[in-house]
C-alpha atoms as a PDB file:
ATOM      1  CA  UNK A   1      48.615 113.412  10.784  1.00  0.00           C
ATOM      2  CA  UNK A   2      44.864 113.658  11.359  1.00  0.00           C
ATOM      3  CA  UNK A   3      45.148 116.723  13.580  1.00  0.00           C
ATOM      4  CA  UNK A   4      47.815 118.742  11.780  1.00  0.00           C
ATOM      5  CA  UNK A   5      47.514 122.468  12.406  1.00  0.00           C
ATOM      6  CA  UNK A   6      45.088 122.054  15.301  1.00  0.00           C
ATOM      7  CA  UNK A   7      45.430 122.838  18.987  1.00  0.00           C
ATOM      8  CA  UNK A   8      44.401 120.284  21.616  1.00  0.00           C
ATOM      9  CA  UNK A   9      43.811 121.433  25.184  1.00  0.00           C
ATOM     10  CA  UNK A  10      44.082 118.446  27.531  1.00  0.00           C
ATOM     11  CA  UNK A  11      42.994 118.766  31.156  1.00  0.00           C
ATOM     12  CA  UNK A  12      44.433 115.923  33.238  1.00  0.00           C
ATOM     13  CA  UNK A  13      47.387 115.392  30.908  1.00  0.00           C
ATOM     14  CA  UNK A  14      49.691 113.998  33.565  1.00  0.00           C
ATOM     15  CA  UNK A  15      49.753 110.569  35.155  1.00  0.00           C
ATOM     16  CA  UNK A  16      49.038 109.592  38.758  1.00  0.00           C
ATOM     17  CA  UNK A  17      52.162 107.450  38.827  1.00  0.00           C
ATOM     18  CA  UNK A  18      54.802 105.770  36.656  1.00  0.00           C
ATOM     19  CA  UNK A  19      53.420 104.556  33.348  1.00  0.00           C
ATOM     20  CA  UNK A  20      50.653 105.795  31.098  1.00  0.00           C
ATOM     21  CA  UNK A  21      47.432 107.334  32.319  1.00  0.00           C
ATOM     22  CA  UNK A  22      44.579 108.091  29.935  1.00  0.00           C
ATOM     23  CA  UNK A  23      45.240 111.818  29.712  1.00  0.00           C
ATOM     24  CA  UNK A  24      48.985 111.442  29.272  1.00  0.00           C
ATOM     25  CA  UNK A  25      48.543 108.934  26.437  1.00  0.00           C
ATOM     26  CA  UNK A  26      45.892 111.080  24.753  1.00  0.00           C
ATOM     27  CA  UNK A  27      48.096 114.185  24.879  1.00  0.00           C
ATOM     28  CA  UNK A  28      51.022 112.330  23.328  1.00  0.00           C
ATOM     29  CA  UNK A  29      48.862 110.737  20.632  1.00  0.00           C
ATOM     30  CA  UNK A  30      47.258 114.075  19.745  1.00  0.00           C
ATOM     31  CA  UNK A  31      50.781 115.411  19.211  1.00  0.00           C
ATOM     32  CA  UNK A  32      51.782 112.394  17.130  1.00  0.00           C
ATOM     33  CA  UNK A  33      48.816 113.178  14.899  1.00  0.00           C
ATOM     34  CA  UNK A  34      50.084 116.714  14.371  1.00  0.00           C
ATOM     35  CA  UNK A  35      48.285 118.741  17.045  1.00  0.00           C
ATOM     36  CA  UNK A  36      49.896 121.424  19.161  1.00  0.00           C
ATOM     37  CA  UNK A  37      49.160 120.293  22.708  1.00  0.00           C
ATOM     38  CA  UNK A  38      48.491 122.222  25.894  1.00  0.00           C
ATOM     39  CA  UNK A  39      49.085 119.727  28.707  1.00  0.00           C
ATOM     40  CA  UNK A  40      47.343 120.810  31.913  1.00  0.00           C
ATOM     41  CA  UNK A  41      47.443 119.029  35.234  1.00  0.00           C
ATOM     42  CA  UNK A  42      46.988 119.817  38.906  1.00  0.00           C
ATOM     43  CA  UNK A  43      50.517 118.431  39.292  1.00  0.00           C
ATOM     44  CA  UNK A  44      52.696 120.727  37.200  1.00  0.00           C
ATOM     45  CA  UNK A  45      55.570 118.222  37.203  1.00  0.00           C
ATOM     46  CA  UNK A  46      53.290 115.567  35.691  1.00  0.00           C
ATOM     47  CA  UNK A  47      52.215 117.979  32.942  1.00  0.00           C
ATOM     48  CA  UNK A  48      55.860 118.855  32.311  1.00  0.00           C
ATOM     49  CA  UNK A  49      56.732 115.171  31.937  1.00  0.00           C
ATOM     50  CA  UNK A  50      54.066 114.812  29.232  1.00  0.00           C
ATOM     51  CA  UNK A  51      55.307 117.973  27.508  1.00  0.00           C
ATOM     52  CA  UNK A  52      58.871 116.641  27.559  1.00  0.00           C
ATOM     53  CA  UNK A  53      57.815 113.366  25.922  1.00  0.00           C
ATOM     54  CA  UNK A  54      56.069 115.281  23.146  1.00  0.00           C
ATOM     55  CA  UNK A  55      59.045 117.578  22.651  1.00  0.00           C
ATOM     56  CA  UNK A  56      61.471 114.636  22.539  1.00  0.00           C
ATOM     57  CA  UNK A  57      59.360 113.147  19.736  1.00  0.00           C
ATOM     58  CA  UNK A  58      59.531 116.379  17.762  1.00  0.00           C
ATOM     59  CA  UNK A  59      56.063 117.642  18.644  1.00  0.00           C
ATOM     60  CA  UNK A  60      54.888 120.977  19.976  1.00  0.00           C
ATOM     61  CA  UNK A  61      53.491 121.276  23.505  1.00  0.00           C
ATOM     62  CA  UNK A  62      53.381 123.504  26.539  1.00  0.00           C
ATOM     63  CA  UNK A  63      52.750 122.430  30.140  1.00  0.00           C
ATOM     64  CA  UNK A  64      50.554 124.344  32.566  1.00  0.00           C
ATOM     65  CA  UNK A  65      49.284 123.808  36.096  1.00  0.00           C
ATOM     66  CA  UNK A  66      45.583 124.175  36.760  1.00  0.00           C
ATOM     67  CA  UNK A  67      42.732 123.035  38.975  1.00  0.00           C
ATOM     68  CA  UNK A  68      39.548 122.306  37.006  1.00  0.00           C
ATOM     69  CA  UNK A  69      37.373 123.198  39.988  1.00  0.00           C
ATOM     70  CA  UNK A  70      38.625 126.804  39.878  1.00  0.00           C
ATOM     71  CA  UNK A  71      37.252 128.997  37.114  1.00  0.00           C
ATOM     72  CA  UNK A  72      40.154 131.422  37.507  1.00  0.00           C
ATOM     73  CA  UNK A  73      42.672 128.643  36.797  1.00  0.00           C
ATOM     74  CA  UNK A  74      40.746 127.587  33.696  1.00  0.00           C
ATOM     75  CA  UNK A  75      40.528 131.168  32.424  1.00  0.00           C
ATOM     76  CA  UNK A  76      44.281 131.563  32.880  1.00  0.00           C
ATOM     77  CA  UNK A  77      44.958 128.341  30.958  1.00  0.00           C
ATOM     78  CA  UNK A  78      42.733 129.428  28.081  1.00  0.00           C
ATOM     79  CA  UNK A  79      44.314 132.876  27.940  1.00  0.00           C
ATOM     80  CA  UNK A  80      47.774 131.283  27.825  1.00  0.00           C
ATOM     81  CA  UNK A  81      46.654 128.819  25.131  1.00  0.00           C
ATOM     82  CA  UNK A  82      45.200 131.549  22.914  1.00  0.00           C
ATOM     83  CA  UNK A  83      48.261 133.735  23.373  1.00  0.00           C
ATOM     84  CA  UNK A  84      50.511 130.829  22.377  1.00  0.00           C
ATOM     85  CA  UNK A  85      48.500 129.162  19.605  1.00  0.00           C
ATOM     86  CA  UNK A  86      45.560 131.441  18.780  1.00  0.00           C
ATOM     87  CA  UNK A  87      42.807 128.823  18.863  1.00  0.00           C
ATOM     88  CA  UNK A  88      41.431 125.697  20.596  1.00  0.00           C
ATOM     89  CA  UNK A  89      40.263 122.948  18.254  1.00  0.00           C
ATOM     90  CA  UNK A  90      40.053 120.056  20.712  1.00  0.00           C
ATOM     91  CA  UNK A  91      39.027 120.178  24.370  1.00  0.00           C
ATOM     92  CA  UNK A  92      39.848 116.929  26.156  1.00  0.00           C
ATOM     93  CA  UNK A  93      38.566 116.506  29.724  1.00  0.00           C
ATOM     94  CA  UNK A  94      40.270 113.661  31.531  1.00  0.00           C
ATOM     95  CA  UNK A  95      40.216 114.738  35.197  1.00  0.00           C
ATOM     96  CA  UNK A  96      38.353 112.373  37.508  1.00  0.00           C
ATOM     97  CA  UNK A  97      38.499 110.495  40.797  1.00  0.00           C
ATOM     98  CA  UNK A  98      36.726 107.655  42.577  1.00  0.00           C
ATOM     99  CA  UNK A  99      35.687 107.525  46.227  1.00  0.00           C
ATOM    100  CA  UNK A 100      34.989 104.073  47.606  1.00  0.00           C
ATOM    101  CA  UNK A 101      32.423 103.584  50.325  1.00  0.00           C
ATOM    102  CA  UNK A 102      28.902 102.437  51.085  1.00  0.00           C
ATOM    103  CA  UNK A 103      26.084 104.960  51.117  1.00  0.00           C
ATOM    104  CA  UNK A 104      26.121 105.144  54.911  1.00  0.00           C
ATOM    105  CA  UNK A 105      29.868 105.930  54.914  1.00  0.00           C
ATOM    106  CA  UNK A 106      29.892 108.761  52.362  1.00  0.00           C
ATOM    107  CA  UNK A 107      29.911 112.233  53.856  1.00  0.00           C
ATOM    108  CA  UNK A 108      28.406 115.249  52.164  1.00  0.00           C
ATOM    109  CA  UNK A 109      31.890 116.686  51.823  1.00  0.00           C
ATOM    110  CA  UNK A 110      33.167 113.563  50.037  1.00  0.00           C
ATOM    111  CA  UNK A 111      30.119 113.515  47.740  1.00  0.00           C
ATOM    112  CA  UNK A 112      30.610 117.157  46.767  1.00  0.00           C
ATOM    113  CA  UNK A 113      34.341 116.680  46.145  1.00  0.00           C
ATOM    114  CA  UNK A 114      33.703 113.939  43.580  1.00  0.00           C
ATOM    115  CA  UNK A 115      30.951 115.952  41.901  1.00  0.00           C
ATOM    116  CA  UNK A 116      33.158 119.043  41.767  1.00  0.00           C
ATOM    117  CA  UNK A 117      36.095 117.216  40.193  1.00  0.00           C
ATOM    118  CA  UNK A 118      34.252 114.804  37.880  1.00  0.00           C
ATOM    119  CA  UNK A 119      31.322 116.935  36.731  1.00  0.00           C
ATOM    120  CA  UNK A 120      31.560 120.596  37.721  1.00  0.00           C
ATOM    121  CA  UNK A 121      35.123 120.717  36.386  1.00  0.00           C
ATOM    122  CA  UNK A 122      33.893 119.673  32.933  1.00  0.00           C
ATOM    123  CA  UNK A 123      31.092 122.232  33.122  1.00  0.00           C
ATOM    124  CA  UNK A 124      33.647 124.951  33.888  1.00  0.00           C
ATOM    125  CA  UNK A 125      36.088 123.994  31.112  1.00  0.00           C
ATOM    126  CA  UNK A 126      33.288 123.722  28.541  1.00  0.00           C
ATOM    127  CA  UNK A 127      31.732 126.999  29.686  1.00  0.00           C
ATOM    128  CA  UNK A 128      35.072 128.701  29.072  1.00  0.00           C
ATOM    129  CA  UNK A 129      36.087 126.952  25.832  1.00  0.00           C
ATOM    130  CA  UNK A 130      32.770 126.808  23.948  1.00  0.00           C
ATOM    131  CA  UNK A 131      32.755 130.598  23.306  1.00  0.00           C
ATOM    132  CA  UNK A 132      36.238 130.248  21.784  1.00  0.00           C
ATOM    133  CA  UNK A 133      35.043 127.444  19.519  1.00  0.00           C
ATOM    134  CA  UNK A 134      31.962 129.444  18.518  1.00  0.00           C
ATOM    135  CA  UNK A 135      34.134 132.401  17.476  1.00  0.00           C
ATOM    136  CA  UNK A 136      36.413 130.226  15.368  1.00  0.00           C
ATOM    137  CA  UNK A 137      33.578 128.238  13.771  1.00  0.00           C
ATOM    138  CA  UNK A 138      33.705 124.898  15.574  1.00  0.00           C
ATOM    139  CA  UNK A 139      35.684 122.342  17.509  1.00  0.00           C
ATOM    140  CA  UNK A 140      35.562 118.937  19.163  1.00  0.00           C
ATOM    141  CA  UNK A 141      34.984 118.170  22.845  1.00  0.00           C
ATOM    142  CA  UNK A 142      36.062 114.788  24.227  1.00  0.00           C
ATOM    143  CA  UNK A 143      34.944 113.973  27.761  1.00  0.00           C
ATOM    144  CA  UNK A 144      36.339 110.887  29.477  1.00  0.00           C
ATOM    145  CA  UNK A 145      33.624 109.158  31.469  1.00  0.00           C
ATOM    146  CA  UNK A 146      33.273 105.468  32.391  1.00  0.00           C
ATOM    147  CA  UNK A 147      30.936 102.584  31.697  1.00  0.00           C
ATOM    148  CA  UNK A 148      30.011 103.140  35.353  1.00  0.00           C
ATOM    149  CA  UNK A 149      27.990 106.046  33.980  1.00  0.00           C
ATOM    150  CA  UNK A 150      25.564 103.597  32.378  1.00  0.00           C
ATOM    151  CA  UNK A 151      25.919 100.288  34.264  1.00  0.00           C
ATOM    152  CA  UNK A 152      26.462  99.314  37.900  1.00  0.00           C
ATOM    153  CA  UNK A 153      29.373  97.072  38.812  1.00  0.00           C
ATOM    154  CA  UNK A 154      30.570  95.557  42.083  1.00  0.00           C
ATOM    155  CA  UNK A 155      32.479  98.595  43.324  1.00  0.00           C
ATOM    156  CA  UNK A 156      30.901 100.773  46.046  1.00  0.00           C
ATOM    157  CA  UNK A 157      31.260 104.260  44.615  1.00  0.00           C
ATOM    158  CA  UNK A 158      27.898 105.991  44.515  1.00  0.00           C
ATOM    159  CA  UNK A 159      29.269 109.458  43.771  1.00  0.00           C
ATOM    160  CA  UNK A 160      31.343 108.098  40.887  1.00  0.00           C
ATOM    161  CA  UNK A 161      28.304 106.428  39.289  1.00  0.00           C
ATOM    162  CA  UNK A 162      26.248 109.601  39.611  1.00  0.00           C
ATOM    163  CA  UNK A 163      28.963 111.966  38.399  1.00  0.00           C
ATOM    164  CA  UNK A 164      29.744 109.897  35.303  1.00  0.00           C
ATOM    165  CA  UNK A 165      26.058 109.471  34.426  1.00  0.00           C
ATOM    166  CA  UNK A 166      25.702 113.237  34.714  1.00  0.00           C
ATOM    167  CA  UNK A 167      28.784 113.760  32.540  1.00  0.00           C
ATOM    168  CA  UNK A 168      27.320 111.540  29.813  1.00  0.00           C
ATOM    169  CA  UNK A 169      24.036 113.435  29.688  1.00  0.00           C
ATOM    170  CA  UNK A 170      25.756 116.831  29.935  1.00  0.00           C
ATOM    171  CA  UNK A 171      27.821 115.905  26.876  1.00  0.00           C
ATOM    172  CA  UNK A 172      24.726 114.874  24.906  1.00  0.00           C
ATOM    173  CA  UNK A 173      23.195 118.247  25.727  1.00  0.00           C
ATOM    174  CA  UNK A 174      26.301 120.012  24.425  1.00  0.00           C
ATOM    175  CA  UNK A 175      26.089 118.030  21.191  1.00  0.00           C
ATOM    176  CA  UNK A 176      22.474 119.015  20.585  1.00  0.00           C
ATOM    177  CA  UNK A 177      22.825 122.634  21.672  1.00  0.00           C
ATOM    178  CA  UNK A 178      25.899 123.466  19.600  1.00  0.00           C
ATOM    179  CA  UNK A 179      25.799 121.042  16.672  1.00  0.00           C
ATOM    180  CA  UNK A 180      24.656 123.693  14.195  1.00  0.00           C
ATOM    181  CA  UNK A 181      27.570 125.895  15.253  1.00  0.00           C
ATOM    182  CA  UNK A 182      30.112 123.250  14.288  1.00  0.00           C
ATOM    183  CA  UNK A 183      30.914 121.943  17.762  1.00  0.00           C
ATOM    184  CA  UNK A 184      30.893 118.189  18.255  1.00  0.00           C
ATOM    185  CA  UNK A 185      30.824 116.696  21.764  1.00  0.00           C
ATOM    186  CA  UNK A 186      31.374 113.025  22.552  1.00  0.00           C
ATOM    187  CA  UNK A 187      32.162 110.781  25.506  1.00  0.00           C
ATOM    188  CA  UNK A 188      34.655 107.939  25.819  1.00  0.00           C
ATOM    189  CA  UNK A 189      33.575 105.383  28.443  1.00  0.00           C
ATOM    190  CA  UNK A 190      36.525 103.223  29.515  1.00  0.00           C
ATOM    191  CA  UNK A 191      35.778  99.862  31.057  1.00  0.00           C
ATOM    192  CA  UNK A 192      38.251  97.721  32.991  1.00  0.00           C
ATOM    193  CA  UNK A 193      41.525  99.556  32.451  1.00  0.00           C
ATOM    194  CA  UNK A 194      45.054  99.129  33.786  1.00  0.00           C
ATOM    195  CA  UNK A 195      46.345 102.628  34.526  1.00  0.00           C
ATOM    196  CA  UNK A 196      48.331 104.149  37.412  1.00  0.00           C
ATOM    197  CA  UNK A 197      45.233 105.903  38.783  1.00  0.00           C
ATOM    198  CA  UNK A 198      43.198 102.689  38.762  1.00  0.00           C
ATOM    199  CA  UNK A 199      45.972 100.827  40.566  1.00  0.00           C
ATOM    200  CA  UNK A 200      46.006 103.583  43.195  1.00  0.00           C
ATOM    201  CA  UNK A 201      42.273 104.096  43.742  1.00  0.00           C
ATOM    202  CA  UNK A 202      40.873 100.563  43.293  1.00  0.00           C
ATOM    203  CA  UNK A 203      43.628  98.668  45.121  1.00  0.00           C
ATOM    204  CA  UNK A 204      41.831  98.660  48.477  1.00  0.00           C
ATOM    205  CA  UNK A 205      39.109  96.414  47.066  1.00  0.00           C
ATOM    206  CA  UNK A 206      41.531  93.476  46.678  1.00  0.00           C
ATOM    207  CA  UNK A 207      43.931  91.506  48.874  1.00  0.00           C
ATOM    208  CA  UNK A 208      47.018  92.487  46.881  1.00  0.00           C
ATOM    209  CA  UNK A 209      48.026  93.982  43.494  1.00  0.00           C
ATOM    210  CA  UNK A 210      48.371  90.584  41.798  1.00  0.00           C
ATOM    211  CA  UNK A 211      44.892  89.571  42.938  1.00  0.00           C
ATOM    212  CA  UNK A 212      43.530  92.853  41.630  1.00  0.00           C
ATOM    213  CA  UNK A 213      45.096  92.400  38.183  1.00  0.00           C
ATOM    214  CA  UNK A 214      43.947  88.779  37.918  1.00  0.00           C
ATOM    215  CA  UNK A 215      40.384  89.594  38.953  1.00  0.00           C
ATOM    216  CA  UNK A 216      40.111  92.602  36.650  1.00  0.00           C
ATOM    217  CA  UNK A 217      41.515  90.686  33.682  1.00  0.00           C
ATOM    218  CA  UNK A 218      38.939  87.967  34.308  1.00  0.00           C
ATOM    219  CA  UNK A 219      36.074  90.475  34.288  1.00  0.00           C
ATOM    220  CA  UNK A 220      36.641  91.372  30.645  1.00  0.00           C
ATOM    221  CA  UNK A 221      35.064  89.297  27.849  1.00  0.00           C
ATOM    222  CA  UNK A 222      38.415  89.678  26.084  1.00  0.00           C
ATOM    223  CA  UNK A 223      40.241  88.229  29.095  1.00  0.00           C
ATOM    224  CA  UNK A 224      42.395  91.309  29.637  1.00  0.00           C
ATOM    225  CA  UNK A 225      42.183  94.899  30.725  1.00  0.00           C
ATOM    226  CA  UNK A 226      42.489  97.805  28.345  1.00  0.00           C
ATOM    227  CA  UNK A 227      45.243 100.384  28.451  1.00  0.00           C
ATOM    228  CA  UNK A 228      45.466 104.146  28.277  1.00  0.00           C
ATOM    229  CA  UNK A 229      46.334 103.834  24.590  1.00  0.00           C
ATOM    230  CA  UNK A 230      42.933 102.309  23.867  1.00  0.00           C
ATOM    231  CA  UNK A 231      41.303 105.425  25.320  1.00  0.00           C
ATOM    232  CA  UNK A 232      43.758 107.673  23.489  1.00  0.00           C
ATOM    233  CA  UNK A 233      43.059 106.084  20.089  1.00  0.00           C
ATOM    234  CA  UNK A 234      39.314 106.468  20.567  1.00  0.00           C
ATOM    235  CA  UNK A 235      39.833 110.092  21.570  1.00  0.00           C
ATOM    236  CA  UNK A 236      41.922 110.902  18.497  1.00  0.00           C
ATOM    237  CA  UNK A 237      39.278 109.322  16.269  1.00  0.00           C
ATOM    238  CA  UNK A 238      36.488 111.386  17.849  1.00  0.00           C
ATOM    239  CA  UNK A 239      38.571 114.561  17.618  1.00  0.00           C
ATOM    240  CA  UNK A 240      39.423 114.031  13.951  1.00  0.00           C
ATOM    241  CA  UNK A 241      37.527 114.606  10.712  1.00  0.00           C
ATOM    242  CA  UNK A 242      37.015 110.820  10.523  1.00  0.00           C
ATOM    243  CA  UNK A 243      34.282 111.409  13.127  1.00  0.00           C
ATOM    244  CA  UNK A 244      32.926 114.514  11.404  1.00  0.00           C
ATOM    245  CA  UNK A 245      29.310 113.311  11.561  1.00  0.00           C
ATOM    246  CA  UNK A 246      29.545 111.776  15.018  1.00  0.00           C
ATOM    247  CA  UNK A 247      28.338 113.779  17.996  1.00  0.00           C
ATOM    248  CA  UNK A 248      26.448 113.055  21.198  1.00  0.00           C
ATOM    249  CA  UNK A 249      27.897 109.535  21.341  1.00  0.00           C
ATOM    250  CA  UNK A 250      28.943 107.735  24.536  1.00  0.00           C
ATOM    251  CA  UNK A 251      31.494 105.283  23.177  1.00  0.00           C
ATOM    252  CA  UNK A 252      32.353 102.259  25.334  1.00  0.00           C
ATOM    253  CA  UNK A 253      36.017 101.296  25.194  1.00  0.00           C
ATOM    254  CA  UNK A 254      35.616  98.246  27.381  1.00  0.00           C
ATOM    255  CA  UNK A 255      36.379  95.007  25.561  1.00  0.00           C
ATOM    256  CA  UNK A 256      32.666  94.193  25.456  1.00  0.00           C
ATOM    257  CA  UNK A 257      32.146  94.452  29.209  1.00  0.00           C
ATOM    258  CA  UNK A 258      29.014  96.612  28.911  1.00  0.00           C
ATOM    259  CA  UNK A 259      27.388  93.875  26.794  1.00  0.00           C
ATOM    260  CA  UNK A 260      27.227  91.518  29.775  1.00  0.00           C
ATOM    261  CA  UNK A 261      23.997  91.177  31.723  1.00  0.00           C
ATOM    262  CA  UNK A 262      25.965  91.257  34.990  1.00  0.00           C
ATOM    263  CA  UNK A 263      29.404  92.756  35.566  1.00  0.00           C
END
């Protein structure tokens, strides 16, 4: 029970489809480690599903709807969280999208949409939660990025690369700026993962789902993709006192993929 007595606010706590997405798994694992969880998702039904799983396991959670690109939504979520639990010990940012296309195909509107969701959303949640953490004497911020924030792979998603690189550096800045005030900020960088969102957003790059799974398994030095639970376990570690002297880290959870000279 590494997080007993703490409150974890998880943005993107639902799943894009049947199965386990990164945010859904993290929310459930935070609860299993004793945290009270606020599960937030654009899709309220998806957040409610996560809340129901936690409740069925004997944990404590509430489900809220919210759009991370709207400051008013974030403020409402934080107000509800503080009214319910009185504090925010863990902020977990899991919301993100990809947008496939060559540079000549990407419109300004598409570019801005990815930046708003992947990067500006994290800025807005941190801007709202950091003052809460400062008042209570500290907290832990976990931002879910991607190894695409530090290496280039074969997928054509320029805005995704740029947004995740920006997220990594933004998180390092948080760590340096607020370290003396007891706030730790770290990044988890998933590699080749098998999640509902990946199956939905990457599928068009392959002939069929089986071909996609086979090719993505083969890309990993371990010969298999990771799962949402790999990301969740890393997140719980970084949120816990076990990582009490770890901040400003961009942690690859990628089966060694980022060690390759070409991916």
